[in-house]
Protein backbone atom coordinates (compact mmCIF):
# COMPACT_ATOMS: atom_id res chain seq x y z
CA HIS A 1 40.25 243.72 182.72
CA PRO A 2 40.70 240.72 185.39
CA GLN A 3 36.67 240.63 186.09
CA THR A 4 35.35 240.40 182.36
CA GLY A 5 38.25 239.25 180.38
CA SER A 6 38.48 241.79 177.75
CA VAL A 7 40.31 244.84 177.06
CA TYR A 8 39.93 247.65 179.65
CA GLY A 9 39.04 250.30 177.12
CA ASN A 10 37.33 253.13 178.63
CA ASP A 11 36.86 251.08 181.73
CA PHE A 12 40.50 251.70 182.69
CA PRO A 13 41.47 253.65 186.13
CA ASP A 14 42.00 256.73 186.01
CA ILE A 15 45.60 257.45 186.48
CA SER A 16 47.42 260.03 188.67
CA VAL A 17 50.38 262.51 188.69
CA GLN A 18 50.59 261.20 192.28
CA ASP A 19 50.15 257.64 190.53
CA THR A 20 53.36 258.29 188.33
CA VAL A 21 55.64 259.34 190.62
CA ARG A 22 54.92 257.08 193.17
CA LEU A 23 55.90 254.31 190.62
CA GLN A 24 58.96 256.48 189.33
CA LEU A 25 60.20 256.54 193.24
CA LYS A 26 59.65 253.05 193.28
CA MET A 27 62.04 252.18 190.67
CA LEU A 28 64.41 254.67 191.68
CA LYS A 29 64.71 252.82 195.14
CA SER A 30 64.70 249.45 193.87
CA ILE A 31 67.83 249.88 192.05
CA GLY A 32 69.37 251.50 194.58
CA VAL A 33 69.23 255.44 194.02
CA ARG A 34 69.92 256.81 197.04
CA GLY A 35 68.80 260.47 196.31
CA VAL A 36 68.12 262.81 193.60
CA LYS A 37 70.14 266.40 193.16
CA CYS A 38 67.64 267.86 190.73
CA VAL A 39 64.49 267.27 189.19
CA VAL A 40 63.30 269.38 186.02
CA GLY A 41 60.17 268.57 183.70
CA GLY A 42 58.40 271.11 181.40
CA SER A 43 54.24 270.81 181.49
CA PHE A 44 53.38 267.00 182.93
CA GLY A 45 56.95 266.84 183.45
CA GLY A 46 56.82 269.81 185.63
CA MET A 47 53.78 268.56 187.28
CA GLN A 48 55.72 265.78 188.21
CA CYS A 49 58.54 267.84 189.62
CA VAL A 50 55.84 269.28 192.02
CA GLU A 51 54.70 266.01 193.20
CA TYR A 52 58.33 264.75 193.94
CA ALA A 53 58.64 267.72 196.22
CA ALA A 54 55.51 266.64 197.94
CA GLN A 55 56.39 262.92 198.00
CA ALA A 56 59.79 262.70 198.72
CA GLY A 57 61.07 266.40 199.16
CA THR A 58 61.24 266.42 202.74
CA SER A 59 64.11 264.26 205.31
CA ALA A 60 60.80 262.60 206.73
CA ASN A 61 59.88 260.68 203.75
CA PRO A 62 59.85 257.14 203.22
CA TRP A 63 62.02 257.41 200.11
CA ASN A 64 65.14 258.21 202.24
CA LEU A 65 66.94 255.27 202.31
CA ASP A 66 70.26 256.22 203.66
CA GLY A 67 69.04 257.58 207.12
CA SER A 68 70.12 260.68 205.98
CA SER A 69 68.71 264.27 207.29
CA SER A 70 68.77 265.18 203.54
CA PRO A 71 65.55 264.88 201.56
CA PHE A 72 65.44 262.23 198.69
CA VAL A 73 64.56 264.71 196.00
CA ARG A 74 66.70 267.91 196.85
CA SER A 75 65.42 270.77 194.31
CA VAL A 76 62.88 270.62 191.62
CA ILE A 77 62.55 273.06 188.73
CA PRO A 78 58.99 273.05 187.21
CA ILE A 79 58.60 274.89 183.87
CA GLY A 80 55.25 275.67 182.51
CA CYS A 81 53.05 274.41 184.74
CA GLY A 82 50.80 275.00 187.77
CA ALA A 83 50.29 272.97 190.90
CA ALA A 84 46.88 272.24 189.76
CA HIS A 85 44.62 273.00 186.59
CA THR A 86 41.68 274.98 186.04
CA GLY A 87 38.55 273.63 184.61
CA TRP A 88 39.52 275.32 181.36
CA GLN A 89 43.12 273.82 181.37
CA ILE A 90 41.25 270.47 181.71
CA ALA A 91 38.65 271.13 179.17
CA ILE A 92 41.69 272.03 176.32
CA SER A 93 43.34 268.96 177.41
CA GLU A 94 40.44 267.07 176.78
CA VAL A 95 39.69 268.17 173.35
CA GLN A 96 43.47 267.65 172.65
CA ARG A 97 43.05 263.98 173.35
CA GLN A 98 40.08 263.42 171.25
CA ALA A 99 41.15 265.72 168.10
């Protein structure tokens, strides 16, 4: 931790699906990928698919490198996920993390 000089532990900032996808898109851009035909994922990967569609699934997005009218991500196949979790799902996930 830069302010305390110790390890982050429980003080580490929360990381969201949006953060994960934003980093993946930056990486793809940095290695020169011009577009993605399809993003496929299940469970957490499925939530990332939904976020890919939100962040890079339209032609008017900052990830469109070649200036074409095509979206950077052309299609997504989310499997076994929802766009948002219910309180019940969040609680079950927390129990699994602590087990």
